[in-house]
Amino acid sequence: MSGDDPGSTIPLILGFFVIALLAVTGSIALGDAFVQQRDLQDACDGAAAAAAATAVDLRGDTNADDLPLGDVDTALRDYLDRDPDRAQLHIRATLSPDRTRVTMHCTEQRDLAFGATFGSPTIIHTATSTASTHARD
């Protein structure tokens, strides 16, 4: 390094600082997205278990065209009402043809930490969970 360029290292240091700042910000945003996805999967698993456990015997004598999804929806709403943070959670429940499994398709739009920095302040997460229904004897 010659003594003729005393200020040439300042842009280099600032450049490295910006790169390091973007790397840290990106890591935080990625971690936030991962935690949000895990939380959504947990909520979807819990909703599927609650719906399967509290639904009326879905393998009963019900006509295949008249599946008791109203019972599943009621169980879902009861489960979700316990957690006010899940107000934006959208769930679609489906029942297997033999009425032995209930499947939840969960979607949620959440704010992402530093999302605006990367062009998207929100992120849409999706999760699927399946639970077996319990037969009554």
Protein backbone atom coordinates (compact mmCIF):
# COMPACT_ATOMS: atom_id res chain seq x y z
CA MET A 1 0.00 0.00 0.00
CA SER A 2 1.44 3.30 -1.02
CA GLY A 3 1.10 6.51 0.90
CA ASP A 4 -0.45 8.21 -2.13
CA ASP A 5 -3.95 6.66 -1.59
CA PRO A 6 -4.78 7.25 2.08
CA GLY A 7 -8.60 7.17 1.55
CA SER A 8 -8.85 4.14 -0.74
CA THR A 9 -9.56 1.69 2.06
CA ILE A 10 -12.66 3.53 3.30
CA PRO A 11 -14.87 2.47 0.33
CA LEU A 12 -13.59 -1.08 0.71
CA ILE A 13 -14.45 -1.17 4.41
CA LEU A 14 -17.89 0.35 3.74
CA GLY A 15 -18.50 -2.21 0.99
CA PHE A 16 -17.62 -5.10 3.31
CA PHE A 17 -19.80 -3.57 6.03
CA VAL A 18 -22.80 -3.41 3.64
CA ILE A 19 -22.22 -7.02 2.55
CA ALA A 20 -21.98 -8.17 6.19
CA LEU A 21 -25.11 -6.21 7.09
CA LEU A 22 -27.06 -7.81 4.21
CA ALA A 23 -25.82 -11.26 5.23
CA VAL A 24 -26.95 -10.77 8.84
CA THR A 25 -30.29 -9.29 7.75
CA GLY A 26 -30.84 -12.17 5.32
CA SER A 27 -30.03 -14.72 8.00
CA ILE A 28 -32.53 -13.14 10.38
CA ALA A 29 -35.23 -13.06 7.67
CA LEU A 30 -34.54 -16.69 6.73
CA GLY A 31 -34.67 -17.76 10.38
CA ASP A 32 -37.92 -15.85 10.88
CA ALA A 33 -39.48 -17.53 7.83
CA PHE A 34 -38.37 -20.95 9.12
CA VAL A 35 -39.86 -20.36 12.58
CA GLN A 36 -43.13 -19.10 11.05
CA GLN A 37 -43.37 -22.21 8.85
CA ARG A 38 -42.71 -24.46 11.84
CA ASP A 39 -45.37 -22.65 13.89
CA LEU A 40 -47.88 -23.02 11.04
CA GLN A 41 -47.12 -26.74 10.77
CA ASP A 42 -47.61 -27.10 14.53
CA ALA A 43 -50.96 -25.29 14.34
CA CYS A 44 -52.04 -27.39 11.36
CA ASP A 45 -51.06 -30.61 13.16
CA GLY A 46 -52.97 -29.52 16.24
CA ALA A 47 -56.02 -28.57 14.20
CA ALA A 48 -56.02 -31.94 12.44
CA ALA A 49 -55.69 -33.80 15.74
CA ALA A 50 -58.42 -31.71 17.38
CA ALA A 51 -60.77 -32.20 14.44
CA ALA A 52 -60.17 -35.95 14.29
CA ALA A 53 -60.51 -36.41 18.04
CA THR A 54 -63.68 -34.38 18.50
CA ALA A 55 -65.51 -35.08 15.25
CA VAL A 56 -68.49 -37.39 15.33
CA ASP A 57 -67.67 -40.93 14.15
CA LEU A 58 -66.79 -40.17 10.54
CA ARG A 59 -66.86 -43.85 9.62
CA GLY A 60 -70.48 -44.27 10.65
CA ASP A 61 -73.50 -44.90 8.48
CA THR A 62 -73.34 -41.45 6.89
CA ASN A 63 -74.02 -41.33 3.16
CA ALA A 64 -70.80 -40.72 1.20
CA ASP A 65 -72.39 -37.62 -0.35
CA ASP A 66 -73.28 -36.19 3.07
CA LEU A 67 -69.98 -36.25 4.95
CA PRO A 68 -70.12 -34.65 8.42
CA LEU A 69 -67.54 -31.95 7.72
CA GLY A 70 -69.62 -29.55 9.82
CA ASP A 71 -68.36 -31.42 12.89
CA VAL A 72 -64.79 -31.06 11.63
CA ASP A 73 -65.28 -27.33 11.01
CA THR A 74 -66.72 -26.86 14.50
CA ALA A 75 -63.75 -28.66 16.05
CA LEU A 76 -61.38 -26.52 13.97
CA ARG A 77 -62.97 -23.24 15.03
CA ASP A 78 -62.93 -24.32 18.70
CA TYR A 79 -59.23 -25.16 18.40
CA LEU A 80 -58.28 -21.95 16.59
CA ASP A 81 -60.31 -19.73 18.94
CA ARG A 82 -57.88 -20.66 21.73
CA ASP A 83 -55.04 -18.84 19.96
CA PRO A 84 -55.86 -15.26 18.86
CA ASP A 85 -52.60 -15.10 16.86
CA ARG A 86 -54.12 -17.55 14.38
CA ALA A 87 -56.83 -15.16 13.17
CA GLN A 88 -55.30 -15.05 9.68
CA LEU A 89 -55.00 -18.83 9.39
CA HIS A 90 -57.06 -20.33 6.56
CA ILE A 91 -57.83 -24.02 6.77
CA ARG A 92 -59.50 -26.30 4.28
CA ALA A 93 -60.49 -29.69 5.64
CA THR A 94 -60.94 -32.78 3.50
CA LEU A 95 -62.03 -36.23 4.48
CA SER A 96 -60.72 -39.45 2.99
CA PRO A 97 -63.24 -41.48 0.95
CA ASP A 98 -63.32 -44.18 3.63
CA ARG A 99 -63.77 -41.47 6.31
CA THR A 100 -60.78 -42.69 8.34
CA ARG A 101 -58.53 -39.64 7.89
CA VAL A 102 -59.04 -35.92 8.01
CA THR A 103 -56.54 -33.74 6.13
CA MET A 104 -55.96 -30.08 6.86
CA HIS A 105 -54.57 -27.71 4.24
CA CYS A 106 -53.40 -24.61 6.11
CA THR A 107 -52.36 -21.28 4.60
CA GLU A 108 -51.23 -18.14 6.39
CA GLN A 109 -49.78 -14.81 5.30
CA ARG A 110 -47.33 -13.34 7.82
CA ASP A 111 -45.02 -10.35 8.06
CA LEU A 112 -41.39 -11.24 7.46
CA ALA A 113 -38.57 -9.69 9.49
CA PHE A 114 -36.70 -7.28 7.22
CA GLY A 115 -38.94 -8.44 4.38
CA ALA A 116 -39.13 -5.01 2.80
CA THR A 117 -35.34 -5.04 2.46
CA PHE A 118 -35.64 -8.05 0.16
CA GLY A 119 -38.70 -6.85 -1.74
CA SER A 120 -41.44 -8.75 0.10
CA PRO A 121 -42.71 -7.53 3.49
CA THR A 122 -44.98 -10.58 3.83
CA ILE A 123 -44.66 -14.26 3.06
CA ILE A 124 -47.31 -16.91 2.46
CA HIS A 125 -46.79 -20.21 4.26
CA THR A 126 -48.63 -23.44 3.53
CA ALA A 127 -48.77 -26.69 5.49
CA THR A 128 -50.67 -29.97 5.27
CA SER A 129 -51.45 -32.34 8.09
CA THR A 130 -53.39 -35.59 8.29
CA ALA A 131 -54.87 -37.28 11.35
CA SER A 132 -56.76 -40.53 11.74
CA THR A 133 -60.32 -40.43 12.99
CA HIS A 134 -61.28 -42.58 15.95
CA ALA A 135 -63.93 -45.26 15.50
CA ARG A 136 -66.56 -45.57 18.18
CA ASP A 137 -67.57 -49.05 19.26
